[in-house]
Every structure is written in structure tokens, then in C-alpha cells.
N, C-alpha and C. Protein backbone atom coordinates (compact mmCIF):
# COMPACT_ATOMS: atom_id res chain seq x y z
N UNK A 1 -9.55 -4.55 -2.90
CA UNK A 1 -10.49 -4.01 -1.97
C UNK A 1 -10.96 -2.63 -2.43
N UNK A 2 -10.05 -1.83 -2.97
CA UNK A 2 -10.45 -0.50 -3.44
C UNK A 2 -11.52 -0.60 -4.51
N UNK A 3 -11.37 -1.55 -5.41
CA UNK A 3 -12.35 -1.71 -6.49
C UNK A 3 -13.69 -2.17 -5.93
N UNK A 4 -13.67 -3.11 -4.99
CA UNK A 4 -14.92 -3.67 -4.46
C UNK A 4 -15.55 -2.81 -3.37
N UNK A 5 -14.74 -2.29 -2.44
CA UNK A 5 -15.26 -1.55 -1.30
C UNK A 5 -15.20 -0.04 -1.49
N UNK A 6 -14.10 0.45 -2.07
CA UNK A 6 -13.97 1.86 -2.37
C UNK A 6 -13.52 2.77 -1.25
N UNK A 7 -13.44 2.30 -0.03
CA UNK A 7 -13.04 3.14 1.09
C UNK A 7 -12.07 2.36 1.96
N UNK A 8 -10.81 2.36 1.56
CA UNK A 8 -9.82 1.48 2.17
C UNK A 8 -9.61 1.67 3.66
N UNK A 9 -9.38 2.90 4.10
CA UNK A 9 -8.99 3.13 5.50
C UNK A 9 -10.01 2.58 6.49
N UNK A 10 -11.29 2.96 6.40
CA UNK A 10 -12.24 2.42 7.38
C UNK A 10 -12.49 0.92 7.22
N UNK A 11 -12.39 0.41 6.02
CA UNK A 11 -12.59 -1.03 5.81
C UNK A 11 -11.45 -1.82 6.46
N UNK A 12 -10.22 -1.37 6.27
CA UNK A 12 -9.08 -2.03 6.90
C UNK A 12 -9.19 -1.92 8.41
N UNK A 13 -9.52 -0.74 8.91
CA UNK A 13 -9.62 -0.55 10.35
C UNK A 13 -10.70 -1.45 10.96
N UNK A 14 -11.82 -1.59 10.29
CA UNK A 14 -12.92 -2.41 10.80
C UNK A 14 -12.56 -3.89 10.89
N UNK A 15 -11.61 -4.32 10.06
CA UNK A 15 -11.24 -5.74 10.01
C UNK A 15 -9.79 -5.98 10.41
N UNK A 16 -9.20 -5.01 11.09
CA UNK A 16 -7.77 -5.07 11.42
C UNK A 16 -7.39 -6.36 12.14
N UNK A 17 -8.24 -6.84 13.02
CA UNK A 17 -7.92 -8.05 13.78
C UNK A 17 -7.88 -9.31 12.92
N UNK A 18 -8.32 -9.20 11.68
CA UNK A 18 -8.35 -10.36 10.78
C UNK A 18 -7.35 -10.23 9.62
N UNK A 19 -6.58 -9.14 9.60
CA UNK A 19 -5.67 -8.87 8.48
C UNK A 19 -4.22 -9.11 8.91
N UNK A 20 -3.52 -9.97 8.18
CA UNK A 20 -2.11 -10.24 8.46
C UNK A 20 -1.23 -9.90 7.26
N UNK A 21 -1.85 -9.63 6.11
CA UNK A 21 -1.09 -9.35 4.89
C UNK A 21 -1.91 -8.41 4.02
N UNK A 22 -1.28 -7.35 3.57
CA UNK A 22 -1.91 -6.41 2.64
C UNK A 22 -1.11 -6.44 1.35
N UNK A 23 -1.79 -6.63 0.26
CA UNK A 23 -1.14 -6.69 -1.06
C UNK A 23 -1.46 -5.40 -1.81
N UNK A 24 -0.41 -4.78 -2.37
CA UNK A 24 -0.56 -3.49 -3.04
C UNK A 24 -0.51 -3.58 -4.55
N UNK A 25 -1.35 -2.79 -5.17
CA UNK A 25 -1.31 -2.46 -6.59
C UNK A 25 -2.28 -1.30 -6.73
N UNK A 26 -1.91 -0.30 -7.49
CA UNK A 26 -2.79 0.85 -7.63
C UNK A 26 -3.93 0.52 -8.59
N UNK A 27 -4.94 1.33 -8.53
CA UNK A 27 -6.09 1.14 -9.39
C UNK A 27 -6.47 2.46 -10.04
N UNK A 28 -6.81 2.46 -11.28
CA UNK A 28 -6.94 1.33 -12.19
C UNK A 28 -5.59 0.90 -12.77
N UNK A 29 -5.57 -0.27 -13.35
CA UNK A 29 -4.40 -0.75 -14.09
C UNK A 29 -3.46 -1.66 -13.35
N UNK A 30 -3.59 -1.78 -12.02
CA UNK A 30 -2.70 -2.61 -11.20
C UNK A 30 -1.23 -2.22 -11.35
N UNK A 31 -0.98 -0.89 -11.49
CA UNK A 31 0.40 -0.41 -11.59
C UNK A 31 0.93 -0.09 -10.19
N UNK A 32 2.17 0.38 -10.14
CA UNK A 32 2.82 0.67 -8.87
C UNK A 32 2.08 1.78 -8.12
N UNK A 33 2.24 1.81 -6.78
CA UNK A 33 1.62 2.85 -5.98
C UNK A 33 1.99 4.24 -6.50
N UNK A 34 1.01 5.13 -6.50
CA UNK A 34 1.22 6.50 -6.96
C UNK A 34 0.81 6.75 -8.39
N UNK A 35 0.35 5.72 -9.08
CA UNK A 35 -0.05 5.89 -10.49
C UNK A 35 -1.55 5.89 -10.67
N UNK A 36 -2.30 5.77 -9.59
CA UNK A 36 -3.76 5.69 -9.71
C UNK A 36 -4.46 6.50 -8.64
N UNK A 37 -5.60 5.99 -8.19
CA UNK A 37 -6.48 6.76 -7.32
C UNK A 37 -6.23 6.57 -5.83
N UNK A 38 -5.38 5.64 -5.43
CA UNK A 38 -5.16 5.39 -4.01
C UNK A 38 -4.10 6.36 -3.47
N UNK A 39 -4.41 6.98 -2.34
CA UNK A 39 -3.50 7.91 -1.68
C UNK A 39 -2.61 7.10 -0.73
N UNK A 40 -1.50 6.61 -1.25
CA UNK A 40 -0.65 5.73 -0.46
C UNK A 40 0.02 6.41 0.73
N UNK A 41 0.49 7.65 0.64
CA UNK A 41 1.04 8.27 1.86
C UNK A 41 0.00 8.29 2.99
N UNK A 42 -1.24 8.64 2.67
CA UNK A 42 -2.30 8.60 3.69
C UNK A 42 -2.51 7.18 4.20
N UNK A 43 -2.60 6.22 3.29
CA UNK A 43 -2.86 4.84 3.68
C UNK A 43 -1.76 4.30 4.59
N UNK A 44 -0.49 4.54 4.24
CA UNK A 44 0.62 4.06 5.07
C UNK A 44 0.60 4.73 6.44
N UNK A 45 0.32 6.04 6.49
CA UNK A 45 0.21 6.73 7.78
C UNK A 45 -0.93 6.15 8.60
N UNK A 46 -2.05 5.86 7.94
CA UNK A 46 -3.20 5.29 8.64
C UNK A 46 -2.86 3.91 9.20
N UNK A 47 -2.19 3.09 8.41
CA UNK A 47 -1.80 1.77 8.90
C UNK A 47 -0.92 1.89 10.14
N UNK A 48 0.01 2.84 10.14
CA UNK A 48 0.84 3.08 11.32
C UNK A 48 -0.02 3.52 12.51
N UNK A 49 -0.94 4.45 12.27
CA UNK A 49 -1.73 5.02 13.37
C UNK A 49 -2.68 4.01 14.01
N UNK A 50 -3.12 3.00 13.27
CA UNK A 50 -4.02 1.99 13.85
C UNK A 50 -3.26 0.76 14.35
N UNK A 51 -1.94 0.80 14.24
CA UNK A 51 -1.11 -0.26 14.78
C UNK A 51 -0.97 -1.50 13.92
N UNK A 52 -1.16 -1.36 12.61
CA UNK A 52 -0.99 -2.53 11.73
C UNK A 52 0.46 -2.98 11.78
N UNK A 53 0.67 -4.27 12.04
CA UNK A 53 2.04 -4.79 12.12
C UNK A 53 2.25 -6.00 11.23
N UNK A 54 1.33 -6.24 10.31
CA UNK A 54 1.45 -7.38 9.40
C UNK A 54 2.33 -7.07 8.20
N UNK A 55 2.31 -7.98 7.28
CA UNK A 55 3.10 -7.87 6.06
C UNK A 55 2.42 -6.96 5.04
N UNK A 56 3.24 -6.30 4.23
CA UNK A 56 2.75 -5.56 3.07
C UNK A 56 3.52 -6.09 1.87
N UNK A 57 2.81 -6.61 0.90
CA UNK A 57 3.42 -7.15 -0.31
C UNK A 57 2.99 -6.35 -1.52
N UNK A 58 3.79 -6.40 -2.54
CA UNK A 58 3.49 -5.67 -3.77
C UNK A 58 3.38 -6.65 -4.93
N UNK A 59 2.29 -6.57 -5.64
CA UNK A 59 2.11 -7.38 -6.84
C UNK A 59 1.44 -6.49 -7.87
N UNK A 60 2.28 -5.80 -8.62
CA UNK A 60 1.75 -4.86 -9.60
C UNK A 60 2.50 -4.98 -10.91
N UNK A 61 1.94 -4.38 -11.93
CA UNK A 61 2.53 -4.34 -13.26
C UNK A 61 3.15 -2.96 -13.43
N UNK A 62 4.48 -2.83 -13.49
CA UNK A 62 5.07 -1.50 -13.62
C UNK A 62 4.53 -0.76 -14.85
N UNK A 63 4.21 0.51 -14.66
CA UNK A 63 3.70 1.32 -15.77
C UNK A 63 4.78 1.56 -16.82
N UNK A 64 6.06 1.51 -16.40
CA UNK A 64 7.17 1.71 -17.35
C UNK A 64 8.09 0.49 -17.26
N UNK A 65 9.27 0.67 -16.67
CA UNK A 65 10.21 -0.44 -16.51
C UNK A 65 10.20 -0.93 -15.06
N UNK A 66 10.75 -2.09 -14.83
CA UNK A 66 10.80 -2.62 -13.46
C UNK A 66 11.58 -1.68 -12.55
N UNK A 67 12.74 -1.21 -12.99
CA UNK A 67 13.56 -0.31 -12.17
C UNK A 67 12.82 0.99 -11.87
N UNK A 68 12.25 1.61 -12.89
CA UNK A 68 11.49 2.84 -12.67
C UNK A 68 10.26 2.58 -11.81
N UNK A 69 9.71 1.38 -11.92
CA UNK A 69 8.54 1.02 -11.13
C UNK A 69 8.80 0.91 -9.64
N UNK A 70 10.06 0.90 -9.24
CA UNK A 70 10.41 0.85 -7.82
C UNK A 70 10.63 2.23 -7.22
N UNK A 71 10.61 3.28 -8.03
CA UNK A 71 10.86 4.63 -7.54
C UNK A 71 9.87 5.06 -6.46
N UNK A 72 8.64 4.57 -6.51
CA UNK A 72 7.63 4.97 -5.53
C UNK A 72 8.06 4.63 -4.10
N UNK A 73 8.94 3.63 -3.94
CA UNK A 73 9.31 3.14 -2.62
C UNK A 73 10.40 3.98 -1.95
N UNK A 74 11.12 4.80 -2.69
CA UNK A 74 12.25 5.55 -2.14
C UNK A 74 11.91 6.34 -0.88
N UNK A 75 10.79 7.07 -0.81
CA UNK A 75 10.51 7.83 0.41
C UNK A 75 10.28 6.97 1.65
N UNK A 76 10.01 5.69 1.47
CA UNK A 76 9.67 4.82 2.60
C UNK A 76 10.82 3.94 3.05
N UNK A 77 11.92 3.95 2.34
CA UNK A 77 13.04 3.05 2.66
C UNK A 77 13.55 3.24 4.08
N UNK A 78 13.68 4.47 4.53
CA UNK A 78 14.15 4.73 5.89
C UNK A 78 13.20 4.20 6.94
N UNK A 79 11.91 4.28 6.67
CA UNK A 79 10.91 3.79 7.62
C UNK A 79 11.02 2.28 7.79
N UNK A 80 11.30 1.58 6.71
CA UNK A 80 11.43 0.13 6.78
C UNK A 80 12.65 -0.23 7.60
N UNK A 81 13.76 0.45 7.37
CA UNK A 81 14.98 0.17 8.11
C UNK A 81 14.79 0.48 9.60
N UNK A 82 14.08 1.55 9.91
CA UNK A 82 13.85 1.93 11.30
C UNK A 82 12.94 0.92 12.00
N UNK A 83 12.03 0.32 11.27
CA UNK A 83 11.08 -0.62 11.87
C UNK A 83 11.68 -2.01 12.07
N UNK A 84 12.75 -2.30 11.34
CA UNK A 84 13.33 -3.66 11.39
C UNK A 84 14.07 -3.93 12.67
């Protein structure tokens, strides 16, 4: 969506009632969040503020190793546990 639309937050908000799954990969390169142009902390906060309760999946190509490619998720681990 970022490549085609370019403005994620308002596009997601405008179609929130039709979205049940968001798939993540940064752009350019389809690497893990935090390696490209998408501001993921803002996006995750925005999803919370508009009441998104669907799934978030990750399908990206790690820029380095698989283990290092999971480092981006560390700040959010507590939020996932709290929401469960």
C-alpha cells in the first residue's frame, strides 16, 4: 500500500471497516520494519488510536540475519502480551 498509495495512515483509516489483516514489510526492499521509509512507531500508535483490532502479519526479507531481523519487535513485545 505504501508503494501504491503513499499515505498509509489516512488510507487505512478510510477503509478500516474492510481491513482484517495488515501485512508488514518496509519499503524499499521489503526488509524488516525500521529499515525503510515507513514510520512504524507512528503507524502502530495510529492503529491503536483508530481501534484496529485485526491481525498484523510480517512477510519481509531480513536485511541481515533472521535473528537480527527480529530485533525491531523488541519494543512491542510487552504491548502484545498486554493485549492478549
